[in-house]
Amino acid sequence: MSPNYIRSFSEGCLRPPTVIGQFHTLFFGSIRMFFLGVLGFAVYGNEALHFSCDPDKREVNLFCYNQFRPITPQVFWALQLVIVLVPGAFFHLYAACKSIKQEDILQKSSYTGFYIFSVFLRVVLEVVAFWLQIQLFGFKVNAIYMCDVGALEKKFNITRCMVPEHFEKTIFLIAMYTFTVITVILCVAEIFEISCRRLGFLKTQ
């Protein structure tokens, strides 16, 4: 791929053809990723080390932590961010290969339809991720986790485990839910903006 294609691809990803799309890129790329990368590591970085059960033994702690966290929140949210970026990346790669200028995307129906489909696919992926997050993490992190250690052949099948910094994790969960909702609203608003431009209610850039 030539440098011109790479430049067109990067410009398309960083500067979408709509105003709301540009705001979405700013929000998604800076605020959301910064929040996850910096604060997410601070809140969840040492969770496995401080997760302790009764009896406080390494094998019990590890077994129960794996039961408590089938997937770590940082990994889940990182995968979510990457997957949500894929539809837009494919569209801008297509536009770069076809030498489509950003200002022409809203002029031709086929380009506009393809772009709207990529935005709609982002919405679908965000909604699916939102549902999966509810199934995996819920809305609240409790201070005590009751772990089933029957598979370890312990005397007692249920043991109590202490979840470190549970209140901070609850706040972080709510924040990530909020970011997902904001992103979905921005995507829907972008589709609405494109529709208004196509109908002539707004001037095309």
N, C-alpha and C. Protein backbone atom coordinates (compact mmCIF):
# COMPACT_ATOMS: atom_id res chain seq x y z
N MET A 1 0.85 -1.19 0.00
CA MET A 1 0.00 0.00 0.00
C MET A 1 0.88 1.24 0.00
N SER A 2 0.59 2.18 -0.90
CA SER A 2 1.43 3.35 -1.05
C SER A 2 1.21 4.32 0.11
N PRO A 3 2.16 5.26 0.30
CA PRO A 3 2.01 6.25 1.37
C PRO A 3 0.74 7.09 1.23
N ASN A 4 0.30 7.34 -0.03
CA ASN A 4 -0.93 8.12 -0.23
C ASN A 4 -2.14 7.39 0.33
N TYR A 5 -2.19 6.07 0.13
CA TYR A 5 -3.29 5.28 0.68
C TYR A 5 -3.28 5.32 2.21
N ILE A 6 -2.07 5.18 2.76
CA ILE A 6 -1.95 5.20 4.22
C ILE A 6 -2.38 6.55 4.77
N ARG A 7 -1.96 7.63 4.09
CA ARG A 7 -2.35 8.97 4.54
C ARG A 7 -3.86 9.17 4.43
N SER A 8 -4.45 8.72 3.33
CA SER A 8 -5.90 8.86 3.16
C SER A 8 -6.65 8.04 4.20
N PHE A 9 -6.13 6.85 4.49
CA PHE A 9 -6.77 6.00 5.49
C PHE A 9 -6.72 6.65 6.87
N SER A 10 -5.57 7.16 7.26
CA SER A 10 -5.43 7.78 8.58
C SER A 10 -6.27 9.05 8.69
N GLU A 11 -6.31 9.84 7.61
CA GLU A 11 -7.12 11.06 7.62
C GLU A 11 -8.61 10.73 7.73
N GLY A 12 -9.02 9.65 7.03
CA GLY A 12 -10.42 9.25 7.11
C GLY A 12 -10.81 8.79 8.50
N CYS A 13 -9.91 8.04 9.17
CA CYS A 13 -10.20 7.56 10.52
C CYS A 13 -10.24 8.71 11.52
N LEU A 14 -9.35 9.69 11.33
CA LEU A 14 -9.26 10.79 12.29
C LEU A 14 -10.24 11.92 12.00
N ARG A 15 -10.67 12.02 10.74
CA ARG A 15 -11.57 13.11 10.37
C ARG A 15 -12.71 12.59 9.50
N PRO A 16 -13.73 11.99 10.12
CA PRO A 16 -14.89 11.49 9.39
C PRO A 16 -15.62 12.61 8.66
N PRO A 17 -16.52 12.27 7.74
CA PRO A 17 -17.17 13.30 6.91
C PRO A 17 -18.26 14.09 7.61
N THR A 18 -18.63 13.72 8.82
CA THR A 18 -19.69 14.43 9.54
C THR A 18 -19.13 15.10 10.79
N VAL A 19 -19.82 16.14 11.24
CA VAL A 19 -19.40 16.86 12.44
C VAL A 19 -19.51 15.96 13.67
N ILE A 20 -20.63 15.26 13.77
CA ILE A 20 -20.82 14.37 14.91
C ILE A 20 -19.84 13.21 14.86
N GLY A 21 -19.51 12.74 13.65
CA GLY A 21 -18.52 11.69 13.51
C GLY A 21 -17.16 12.13 14.01
N GLN A 22 -16.80 13.38 13.76
CA GLN A 22 -15.53 13.91 14.25
C GLN A 22 -15.54 14.01 15.77
N PHE A 23 -16.67 14.40 16.33
CA PHE A 23 -16.79 14.48 17.78
C PHE A 23 -16.72 13.08 18.38
N HIS A 24 -17.34 12.11 17.70
CA HIS A 24 -17.28 10.71 18.16
C HIS A 24 -15.84 10.22 18.18
N THR A 25 -15.07 10.56 17.15
CA THR A 25 -13.67 10.15 17.09
C THR A 25 -12.88 10.76 18.24
N LEU A 26 -13.14 12.04 18.52
CA LEU A 26 -12.46 12.72 19.63
C LEU A 26 -12.82 12.07 20.96
N PHE A 27 -14.11 11.84 21.17
CA PHE A 27 -14.57 11.24 22.43
C PHE A 27 -14.05 9.83 22.57
N PHE A 28 -14.18 9.04 21.49
CA PHE A 28 -13.80 7.63 21.53
C PHE A 28 -12.29 7.47 21.65
N GLY A 29 -11.56 8.25 20.85
CA GLY A 29 -10.13 8.05 20.78
C GLY A 29 -9.34 8.65 21.92
N SER A 30 -9.86 9.71 22.52
CA SER A 30 -9.10 10.37 23.58
C SER A 30 -9.68 10.08 24.96
N ILE A 31 -10.90 10.49 25.20
CA ILE A 31 -11.48 10.37 26.54
C ILE A 31 -11.68 8.91 26.94
N ARG A 32 -12.34 8.15 26.09
CA ARG A 32 -12.68 6.77 26.46
C ARG A 32 -11.43 5.90 26.57
N MET A 33 -10.54 5.99 25.60
CA MET A 33 -9.33 5.18 25.64
C MET A 33 -8.40 5.61 26.77
N PHE A 34 -8.33 6.92 27.01
CA PHE A 34 -7.49 7.41 28.10
C PHE A 34 -8.04 6.93 29.44
N PHE A 35 -9.35 7.00 29.60
CA PHE A 35 -9.99 6.56 30.84
C PHE A 35 -9.70 5.09 31.10
N LEU A 36 -9.82 4.27 30.06
CA LEU A 36 -9.57 2.83 30.22
C LEU A 36 -8.10 2.54 30.44
N GLY A 37 -7.24 3.18 29.64
CA GLY A 37 -5.82 2.87 29.71
C GLY A 37 -5.16 3.31 31.00
N VAL A 38 -5.51 4.48 31.50
CA VAL A 38 -4.87 5.02 32.69
C VAL A 38 -5.60 4.60 33.96
N LEU A 39 -6.87 4.98 34.07
CA LEU A 39 -7.61 4.68 35.29
C LEU A 39 -7.95 3.20 35.41
N GLY A 40 -8.19 2.55 34.27
CA GLY A 40 -8.50 1.12 34.31
C GLY A 40 -7.36 0.31 34.90
N PHE A 41 -6.14 0.64 34.54
CA PHE A 41 -4.99 -0.07 35.09
C PHE A 41 -4.84 0.23 36.58
N ALA A 42 -5.12 1.48 36.98
CA ALA A 42 -4.99 1.85 38.39
C ALA A 42 -6.00 1.11 39.25
N VAL A 43 -7.22 0.92 38.72
CA VAL A 43 -8.28 0.28 39.51
C VAL A 43 -8.16 -1.24 39.50
N TYR A 44 -7.85 -1.81 38.32
CA TYR A 44 -7.89 -3.27 38.17
C TYR A 44 -6.50 -3.91 38.08
N GLY A 45 -5.46 -3.11 38.04
CA GLY A 45 -4.12 -3.65 37.78
C GLY A 45 -3.66 -4.73 38.74
N ASN A 46 -3.88 -4.56 40.05
CA ASN A 46 -3.41 -5.52 41.05
C ASN A 46 -4.54 -6.30 41.71
N GLU A 47 -5.66 -6.40 41.03
CA GLU A 47 -6.82 -7.05 41.64
C GLU A 47 -6.53 -8.51 42.00
N ALA A 48 -5.90 -9.24 41.12
CA ALA A 48 -5.64 -10.66 41.37
C ALA A 48 -4.73 -10.86 42.58
N LEU A 49 -3.79 -9.96 42.78
CA LEU A 49 -2.86 -10.08 43.91
C LEU A 49 -3.54 -9.85 45.25
N HIS A 50 -4.54 -8.96 45.26
CA HIS A 50 -5.21 -8.60 46.52
C HIS A 50 -6.50 -9.37 46.75
N PHE A 51 -6.86 -10.24 45.83
CA PHE A 51 -8.07 -11.04 45.98
C PHE A 51 -7.76 -12.20 46.93
N SER A 52 -8.44 -12.25 48.07
CA SER A 52 -8.12 -13.27 49.08
C SER A 52 -9.37 -13.97 49.56
N CYS A 53 -9.21 -15.26 49.85
CA CYS A 53 -10.34 -16.08 50.29
C CYS A 53 -10.02 -16.72 51.64
N ASP A 54 -11.00 -17.38 52.20
CA ASP A 54 -10.85 -18.07 53.48
C ASP A 54 -11.07 -19.58 53.24
N PRO A 55 -10.03 -20.41 53.31
CA PRO A 55 -8.67 -20.11 53.80
C PRO A 55 -7.83 -19.38 52.75
N ASP A 56 -6.92 -18.55 53.25
CA ASP A 56 -6.09 -17.72 52.38
C ASP A 56 -4.90 -18.54 51.85
N LYS A 57 -5.20 -19.37 50.86
CA LYS A 57 -4.17 -20.17 50.22
C LYS A 57 -4.11 -19.85 48.74
N ARG A 58 -2.94 -19.97 48.16
CA ARG A 58 -2.73 -19.58 46.77
C ARG A 58 -3.67 -20.31 45.81
N GLU A 59 -3.81 -21.64 46.00
CA GLU A 59 -4.64 -22.41 45.08
C GLU A 59 -6.11 -22.01 45.19
N VAL A 60 -6.56 -21.73 46.41
CA VAL A 60 -7.95 -21.30 46.60
C VAL A 60 -8.17 -19.92 46.01
N ASN A 61 -7.26 -18.99 46.31
CA ASN A 61 -7.38 -17.64 45.78
C ASN A 61 -7.40 -17.64 44.25
N LEU A 62 -6.51 -18.42 43.64
CA LEU A 62 -6.42 -18.45 42.18
C LEU A 62 -7.67 -19.08 41.58
N PHE A 63 -8.12 -20.18 42.17
CA PHE A 63 -9.31 -20.85 41.67
C PHE A 63 -10.54 -19.94 41.74
N CYS A 64 -10.70 -19.29 42.89
CA CYS A 64 -11.87 -18.43 43.07
C CYS A 64 -11.79 -17.16 42.23
N TYR A 65 -10.57 -16.64 42.05
CA TYR A 65 -10.45 -15.44 41.22
C TYR A 65 -10.81 -15.75 39.77
N ASN A 66 -10.38 -16.91 39.28
CA ASN A 66 -10.74 -17.31 37.92
C ASN A 66 -12.24 -17.51 37.78
N GLN A 67 -12.88 -17.95 38.87
CA GLN A 67 -14.33 -18.09 38.87
C GLN A 67 -15.01 -16.73 38.92
N PHE A 68 -14.42 -15.82 39.71
CA PHE A 68 -14.97 -14.47 39.85
C PHE A 68 -14.78 -13.65 38.58
N ARG A 69 -13.64 -13.82 37.93
CA ARG A 69 -13.32 -13.08 36.71
C ARG A 69 -13.02 -14.05 35.57
N PRO A 70 -14.03 -14.55 34.85
CA PRO A 70 -13.76 -15.40 33.69
C PRO A 70 -12.92 -14.66 32.64
N ILE A 71 -13.11 -13.35 32.55
CA ILE A 71 -12.28 -12.48 31.73
C ILE A 71 -12.10 -11.18 32.49
N THR A 72 -10.90 -10.65 32.50
CA THR A 72 -10.65 -9.41 33.24
C THR A 72 -11.32 -8.24 32.54
N PRO A 73 -11.84 -7.27 33.28
CA PRO A 73 -12.52 -6.14 32.66
C PRO A 73 -11.64 -5.38 31.67
N GLN A 74 -10.33 -5.21 31.98
CA GLN A 74 -9.47 -4.49 31.05
C GLN A 74 -9.41 -5.17 29.70
N VAL A 75 -9.28 -6.49 29.70
CA VAL A 75 -9.22 -7.23 28.44
C VAL A 75 -10.55 -7.12 27.69
N PHE A 76 -11.65 -7.25 28.41
CA PHE A 76 -12.97 -7.16 27.77
C PHE A 76 -13.16 -5.80 27.12
N TRP A 77 -12.86 -4.73 27.85
CA TRP A 77 -13.08 -3.39 27.31
C TRP A 77 -12.11 -3.07 26.19
N ALA A 78 -10.88 -3.57 26.28
CA ALA A 78 -9.92 -3.37 25.18
C ALA A 78 -10.41 -4.07 23.91
N LEU A 79 -10.91 -5.30 24.06
CA LEU A 79 -11.47 -6.00 22.91
C LEU A 79 -12.69 -5.26 22.35
N GLN A 80 -13.51 -4.72 23.24
CA GLN A 80 -14.67 -3.97 22.81
C GLN A 80 -14.26 -2.77 21.96
N LEU A 81 -13.27 -2.02 22.43
CA LEU A 81 -12.83 -0.84 21.70
C LEU A 81 -12.28 -1.21 20.33
N VAL A 82 -11.49 -2.27 20.27
CA VAL A 82 -10.90 -2.69 19.00
C VAL A 82 -11.97 -3.16 18.03
N ILE A 83 -12.90 -4.00 18.51
CA ILE A 83 -13.95 -4.54 17.64
C ILE A 83 -14.86 -3.44 17.11
N VAL A 84 -15.19 -2.46 17.96
CA VAL A 84 -16.06 -1.37 17.54
C VAL A 84 -15.38 -0.50 16.48
N LEU A 85 -14.06 -0.44 16.50
CA LEU A 85 -13.33 0.35 15.51
C LEU A 85 -13.26 -0.32 14.14
N VAL A 86 -13.49 -1.63 14.10
CA VAL A 86 -13.31 -2.39 12.85
C VAL A 86 -14.20 -1.91 11.70
N PRO A 87 -15.54 -1.72 11.89
CA PRO A 87 -16.37 -1.30 10.76
C PRO A 87 -15.91 0.01 10.13
N GLY A 88 -15.60 1.00 10.95
CA GLY A 88 -15.12 2.28 10.43
C GLY A 88 -13.78 2.13 9.73
N ALA A 89 -12.90 1.29 10.30
CA ALA A 89 -11.59 1.08 9.68
C ALA A 89 -11.73 0.44 8.31
N PHE A 90 -12.64 -0.53 8.17
CA PHE A 90 -12.86 -1.17 6.87
C PHE A 90 -13.38 -0.16 5.85
N PHE A 91 -14.32 0.70 6.29
CA PHE A 91 -14.85 1.69 5.35
C PHE A 91 -13.77 2.65 4.89
N HIS A 92 -12.98 3.16 5.81
CA HIS A 92 -11.95 4.14 5.44
C HIS A 92 -10.83 3.49 4.64
N LEU A 93 -10.58 2.21 4.86
CA LEU A 93 -9.62 1.49 4.03
C LEU A 93 -10.16 1.36 2.61
N TYR A 94 -11.45 1.04 2.50
CA TYR A 94 -12.10 0.98 1.19
C TYR A 94 -12.04 2.34 0.49
N ALA A 95 -12.35 3.40 1.24
CA ALA A 95 -12.32 4.75 0.66
C ALA A 95 -10.92 5.13 0.20
N ALA A 96 -9.90 4.73 0.98
CA ALA A 96 -8.52 5.04 0.61
C ALA A 96 -8.11 4.29 -0.66
N CYS A 97 -8.50 3.03 -0.76
CA CYS A 97 -8.15 2.23 -1.94
C CYS A 97 -8.87 2.73 -3.19
N LYS A 98 -10.09 3.26 -3.02
CA LYS A 98 -10.86 3.78 -4.15
C LYS A 98 -10.61 5.27 -4.39
N SER A 99 -9.70 5.84 -3.59
CA SER A 99 -9.38 7.28 -3.70
C SER A 99 -10.61 8.16 -3.54
N ILE A 100 -11.46 7.79 -2.58
CA ILE A 100 -12.67 8.56 -2.30
C ILE A 100 -12.34 9.65 -1.29
N LYS A 101 -12.60 10.89 -1.64
CA LYS A 101 -12.36 12.00 -0.73
C LYS A 101 -13.48 12.06 0.32
N GLN A 102 -13.11 12.54 1.51
CA GLN A 102 -14.09 12.60 2.60
C GLN A 102 -15.31 13.45 2.24
N GLU A 103 -15.08 14.54 1.50
CA GLU A 103 -16.21 15.40 1.14
C GLU A 103 -17.12 14.77 0.10
N ASP A 104 -16.65 13.70 -0.57
CA ASP A 104 -17.48 13.03 -1.59
C ASP A 104 -18.34 11.91 -1.01
N ILE A 105 -18.06 11.52 0.23
CA ILE A 105 -18.77 10.38 0.81
C ILE A 105 -20.27 10.66 0.93
N LEU A 106 -20.62 11.91 1.28
CA LEU A 106 -22.03 12.26 1.45
C LEU A 106 -22.68 12.74 0.16
N GLN A 107 -21.94 12.69 -0.95
CA GLN A 107 -22.47 13.14 -2.23
C GLN A 107 -23.05 12.00 -3.05
N LYS A 108 -22.43 10.84 -2.96
CA LYS A 108 -22.85 9.69 -3.77
C LYS A 108 -23.59 8.69 -2.88
N SER A 109 -24.75 8.23 -3.35
CA SER A 109 -25.61 7.38 -2.53
C SER A 109 -24.94 6.08 -2.10
N SER A 110 -24.17 5.47 -2.99
CA SER A 110 -23.54 4.20 -2.66
C SER A 110 -22.51 4.38 -1.54
N TYR A 111 -21.72 5.46 -1.62
CA TYR A 111 -20.74 5.73 -0.56
C TYR A 111 -21.44 6.04 0.76
N THR A 112 -22.50 6.85 0.67
CA THR A 112 -23.24 7.23 1.87
C THR A 112 -23.87 6.01 2.54
N GLY A 113 -24.46 5.13 1.71
CA GLY A 113 -25.07 3.92 2.26
C GLY A 113 -24.06 3.01 2.93
N PHE A 114 -22.89 2.88 2.32
CA PHE A 114 -21.83 2.06 2.90
C PHE A 114 -21.37 2.65 4.22
N TYR A 115 -21.24 3.98 4.26
CA TYR A 115 -20.79 4.63 5.48
C TYR A 115 -21.84 4.50 6.59
N ILE A 116 -23.12 4.69 6.24
CA ILE A 116 -24.19 4.54 7.23
C ILE A 116 -24.21 3.11 7.77
N PHE A 117 -23.98 2.14 6.89
CA PHE A 117 -23.95 0.74 7.34
C PHE A 117 -22.83 0.51 8.34
N SER A 118 -21.66 1.12 8.11
CA SER A 118 -20.54 0.97 9.05
C SER A 118 -20.87 1.59 10.40
N VAL A 119 -21.57 2.73 10.39
CA VAL A 119 -21.97 3.38 11.64
C VAL A 119 -23.01 2.53 12.35
N PHE A 120 -23.97 2.00 11.59
CA PHE A 120 -25.00 1.14 12.19
C PHE A 120 -24.38 -0.11 12.79
N LEU A 121 -23.38 -0.66 12.12
CA LEU A 121 -22.70 -1.85 12.64
C LEU A 121 -21.98 -1.53 13.95
N ARG A 122 -21.43 -0.31 14.06
CA ARG A 122 -20.82 0.12 15.32
C ARG A 122 -21.85 0.11 16.44
N VAL A 123 -23.05 0.59 16.15
CA VAL A 123 -24.12 0.61 17.15
C VAL A 123 -24.44 -0.81 17.61
N VAL A 124 -24.57 -1.73 16.66
CA VAL A 124 -24.89 -3.12 16.98
C VAL A 124 -23.81 -3.72 17.87
N LEU A 125 -22.55 -3.49 17.53
CA LEU A 125 -21.44 -4.04 18.31
C LEU A 125 -21.40 -3.45 19.72
N GLU A 126 -21.69 -2.15 19.84
CA GLU A 126 -21.72 -1.52 21.15
C GLU A 126 -22.85 -2.10 22.01
N VAL A 127 -24.01 -2.33 21.41
CA VAL A 127 -25.15 -2.88 22.15
C VAL A 127 -24.84 -4.31 22.61
N VAL A 128 -24.22 -5.11 21.73
CA VAL A 128 -23.85 -6.47 22.10
C VAL A 128 -22.84 -6.45 23.24
N ALA A 129 -21.84 -5.55 23.14
CA ALA A 129 -20.84 -5.43 24.21
C ALA A 129 -21.49 -4.98 25.52
N PHE A 130 -22.46 -4.08 25.43
CA PHE A 130 -23.19 -3.61 26.62
C PHE A 130 -23.89 -4.79 27.30
N TRP A 131 -24.55 -5.63 26.51
CA TRP A 131 -25.25 -6.79 27.06
C TRP A 131 -24.27 -7.78 27.67
N LEU A 132 -23.16 -8.04 26.99
CA LEU A 132 -22.16 -8.95 27.53
C LEU A 132 -21.56 -8.43 28.83
N GLN A 133 -21.36 -7.12 28.91
CA GLN A 133 -20.82 -6.54 30.13
C GLN A 133 -21.77 -6.75 31.30
N ILE A 134 -23.06 -6.63 31.04
CA ILE A 134 -24.05 -6.88 32.10
C ILE A 134 -23.97 -8.32 32.56
N GLN A 135 -23.87 -9.26 31.60
CA GLN A 135 -23.82 -10.67 31.94
C GLN A 135 -22.55 -11.02 32.71
N LEU A 136 -21.43 -10.40 32.37
CA LEU A 136 -20.15 -10.74 32.99
C LEU A 136 -19.92 -10.02 34.32
N PHE A 137 -20.28 -8.73 34.38
CA PHE A 137 -19.88 -7.92 35.53
C PHE A 137 -21.05 -7.33 36.32
N GLY A 138 -22.24 -7.30 35.74
CA GLY A 138 -23.37 -6.70 36.42
C GLY A 138 -23.21 -5.19 36.54
N PHE A 139 -23.90 -4.61 37.52
CA PHE A 139 -23.84 -3.16 37.73
C PHE A 139 -23.15 -2.79 39.04
N LYS A 140 -22.86 -3.81 39.85
CA LYS A 140 -22.27 -3.53 41.16
C LYS A 140 -21.28 -4.62 41.52
N VAL A 141 -20.16 -4.21 42.12
CA VAL A 141 -19.16 -5.15 42.61
C VAL A 141 -19.32 -5.24 44.12
N ASN A 142 -19.67 -6.42 44.61
CA ASN A 142 -19.87 -6.62 46.04
C ASN A 142 -18.54 -6.83 46.76
N ALA A 143 -18.51 -6.49 48.03
CA ALA A 143 -17.29 -6.63 48.82
C ALA A 143 -16.95 -8.09 49.07
N ILE A 144 -17.98 -8.95 49.12
CA ILE A 144 -17.79 -10.37 49.40
C ILE A 144 -18.25 -11.19 48.19
N TYR A 145 -17.43 -12.14 47.79
CA TYR A 145 -17.80 -13.06 46.71
C TYR A 145 -17.83 -14.47 47.28
N MET A 146 -18.96 -15.15 47.12
CA MET A 146 -19.11 -16.51 47.61
C MET A 146 -18.66 -17.47 46.50
N CYS A 147 -17.57 -18.17 46.77
CA CYS A 147 -16.93 -19.01 45.76
C CYS A 147 -17.26 -20.48 46.00
N ASP A 148 -17.59 -21.18 44.93
CA ASP A 148 -17.84 -22.62 44.99
C ASP A 148 -16.53 -23.36 44.74
N VAL A 149 -15.97 -23.94 45.79
CA VAL A 149 -14.67 -24.62 45.68
C VAL A 149 -14.85 -26.14 45.72
N GLY A 150 -16.03 -26.62 45.37
CA GLY A 150 -16.29 -28.05 45.38
C GLY A 150 -15.35 -28.82 44.47
N ALA A 151 -14.94 -28.20 43.36
CA ALA A 151 -14.04 -28.87 42.41
C ALA A 151 -12.66 -29.11 43.01
N LEU A 152 -12.29 -28.36 44.05
CA LEU A 152 -10.99 -28.55 44.71
C LEU A 152 -11.05 -29.61 45.80
N GLU A 153 -12.23 -30.22 45.99
CA GLU A 153 -12.43 -31.26 47.00
C GLU A 153 -12.12 -30.74 48.41
N LYS A 154 -12.59 -29.55 48.69
CA LYS A 154 -12.41 -28.98 50.03
C LYS A 154 -13.53 -29.47 50.96
N LYS A 155 -13.30 -29.29 52.22
CA LYS A 155 -14.28 -29.72 53.21
C LYS A 155 -15.58 -28.94 53.06
N PHE A 156 -15.44 -27.63 52.83
CA PHE A 156 -16.62 -26.79 52.62
C PHE A 156 -16.66 -26.39 51.15
N ASN A 157 -17.83 -26.55 50.52
CA ASN A 157 -17.96 -26.25 49.10
C ASN A 157 -18.01 -24.76 48.81
N ILE A 158 -18.46 -23.98 49.78
CA ILE A 158 -18.58 -22.53 49.59
C ILE A 158 -17.62 -21.81 50.53
N THR A 159 -16.85 -20.88 49.97
CA THR A 159 -15.94 -20.09 50.78
C THR A 159 -16.12 -18.61 50.48
N ARG A 160 -15.78 -17.79 51.46
CA ARG A 160 -15.92 -16.34 51.31
C ARG A 160 -14.62 -15.74 50.79
N CYS A 161 -14.77 -14.82 49.83
CA CYS A 161 -13.60 -14.13 49.27
C CYS A 161 -13.81 -12.63 49.36
N MET A 162 -12.73 -11.93 49.66
CA MET A 162 -12.77 -10.47 49.75
C MET A 162 -12.37 -9.86 48.41
N VAL A 163 -13.22 -8.99 47.90
CA VAL A 163 -12.94 -8.30 46.64
C VAL A 163 -12.33 -6.94 46.96
N PRO A 164 -11.09 -6.68 46.53
CA PRO A 164 -10.44 -5.41 46.87
C PRO A 164 -11.05 -4.23 46.11
N GLU A 165 -11.16 -3.10 46.78
CA GLU A 165 -11.58 -1.83 46.16
C GLU A 165 -12.89 -2.00 45.38
N HIS A 166 -13.85 -2.64 46.01
CA HIS A 166 -15.10 -2.94 45.30
C HIS A 166 -15.88 -1.67 44.94
N PHE A 167 -15.81 -0.64 45.78
CA PHE A 167 -16.55 0.59 45.50
C PHE A 167 -15.97 1.32 44.28
N GLU A 168 -14.65 1.37 44.18
CA GLU A 168 -14.01 1.99 43.01
C GLU A 168 -14.38 1.25 41.74
N LYS A 169 -14.43 -0.06 41.83
CA LYS A 169 -14.77 -0.87 40.66
C LYS A 169 -16.22 -0.65 40.24
N THR A 170 -17.10 -0.46 41.20
CA THR A 170 -18.50 -0.16 40.88
C THR A 170 -18.61 1.16 40.13
N ILE A 171 -17.90 2.17 40.60
CA ILE A 171 -17.90 3.47 39.92
C ILE A 171 -17.36 3.33 38.51
N PHE A 172 -16.29 2.56 38.36
CA PHE A 172 -15.67 2.37 37.05
C PHE A 172 -16.63 1.64 36.10
N LEU A 173 -17.34 0.65 36.61
CA LEU A 173 -18.32 -0.07 35.81
C LEU A 173 -19.39 0.89 35.27
N ILE A 174 -19.92 1.72 36.17
CA ILE A 174 -20.96 2.67 35.77
C ILE A 174 -20.42 3.63 34.72
N ALA A 175 -19.17 4.06 34.89
CA ALA A 175 -18.55 4.96 33.91
C ALA A 175 -18.45 4.31 32.54
N MET A 176 -18.05 3.03 32.50
CA MET A 176 -17.91 2.35 31.22
C MET A 176 -19.28 2.13 30.57
N TYR A 177 -20.31 1.85 31.37
CA TYR A 177 -21.66 1.78 30.83
C TYR A 177 -22.06 3.12 30.23
N THR A 178 -21.75 4.18 30.94
CA THR A 178 -22.10 5.53 30.47
C THR A 178 -21.40 5.85 29.17
N PHE A 179 -20.12 5.51 29.06
CA PHE A 179 -19.37 5.75 27.82
C PHE A 179 -19.99 5.00 26.65
N THR A 180 -20.43 3.76 26.89
CA THR A 180 -21.05 2.99 25.82
C THR A 180 -22.35 3.65 25.36
N VAL A 181 -23.15 4.10 26.32
CA VAL A 181 -24.42 4.76 25.98
C VAL A 181 -24.15 6.04 25.18
N ILE A 182 -23.17 6.83 25.62
CA ILE A 182 -22.83 8.07 24.90
C ILE A 182 -22.38 7.76 23.48
N THR A 183 -21.57 6.72 23.32
CA THR A 183 -21.08 6.35 21.98
C THR A 183 -22.24 5.94 21.08
N VAL A 184 -23.17 5.16 21.62
CA VAL A 184 -24.34 4.75 20.82
C VAL A 184 -25.17 5.96 20.41
N ILE A 185 -25.37 6.89 21.34
CA ILE A 185 -26.13 8.10 21.03
C ILE A 185 -25.45 8.91 19.93
N LEU A 186 -24.12 9.02 20.00
CA LEU A 186 -23.38 9.75 18.98
C LEU A 186 -23.50 9.08 17.61
N CYS A 187 -23.47 7.75 17.59
CA CYS A 187 -23.60 7.03 16.32
C CYS A 187 -24.98 7.23 15.72
N VAL A 188 -26.02 7.16 16.55
CA VAL A 188 -27.38 7.39 16.07
C VAL A 188 -27.53 8.83 15.58
N ALA A 189 -26.95 9.77 16.33
CA ALA A 189 -27.01 11.17 15.93
C ALA A 189 -26.26 11.40 14.61
N GLU A 190 -25.19 10.66 14.39
CA GLU A 190 -24.45 10.80 13.14
C GLU A 190 -25.29 10.31 11.96
N ILE A 191 -26.00 9.20 12.14
CA ILE A 191 -26.89 8.73 11.08
C ILE A 191 -27.97 9.77 10.80
N PHE A 192 -28.49 10.38 11.86
CA PHE A 192 -29.51 11.43 11.70
C PHE A 192 -28.93 12.63 10.96
N GLU A 193 -27.69 13.01 11.29
CA GLU A 193 -27.04 14.13 10.59
C GLU A 193 -26.87 13.83 9.10
N ILE A 194 -26.46 12.61 8.78
CA ILE A 194 -26.29 12.23 7.38
C ILE A 194 -27.62 12.29 6.64
N SER A 195 -28.68 11.81 7.29
CA SER A 195 -30.01 11.84 6.67
C SER A 195 -30.45 13.28 6.41
N CYS A 196 -30.20 14.16 7.36
CA CYS A 196 -30.56 15.57 7.19
C CYS A 196 -29.79 16.21 6.05
N ARG A 197 -28.51 15.85 5.91
CA ARG A 197 -27.70 16.39 4.82
C ARG A 197 -28.20 15.88 3.46
N ARG A 198 -28.54 14.61 3.42
CA ARG A 198 -29.03 14.05 2.16
C ARG A 198 -30.39 14.66 1.76
N LEU A 199 -31.20 15.01 2.75
CA LEU A 199 -32.51 15.60 2.48
C LEU A 199 -32.43 17.10 2.27
N GLY A 200 -31.25 17.67 2.49
CA GLY A 200 -31.06 19.10 2.23
C GLY A 200 -31.35 20.00 3.40
N PHE A 201 -31.60 19.43 4.59
CA PHE A 201 -31.88 20.27 5.75
C PHE A 201 -30.59 20.88 6.33
N LEU A 202 -29.46 20.24 6.06
CA LEU A 202 -28.17 20.76 6.47
C LEU A 202 -27.26 20.85 5.27
N LYS A 203 -26.37 21.83 5.28
CA LYS A 203 -25.43 21.96 4.18
C LYS A 203 -24.34 20.90 4.30
N THR A 204 -24.02 20.30 3.18
CA THR A 204 -22.96 19.29 3.16
C THR A 204 -21.63 19.99 3.20
N GLN A 205 -20.70 19.41 3.97
CA GLN A 205 -19.38 20.01 4.11
C GLN A 205 -18.68 19.98 2.76
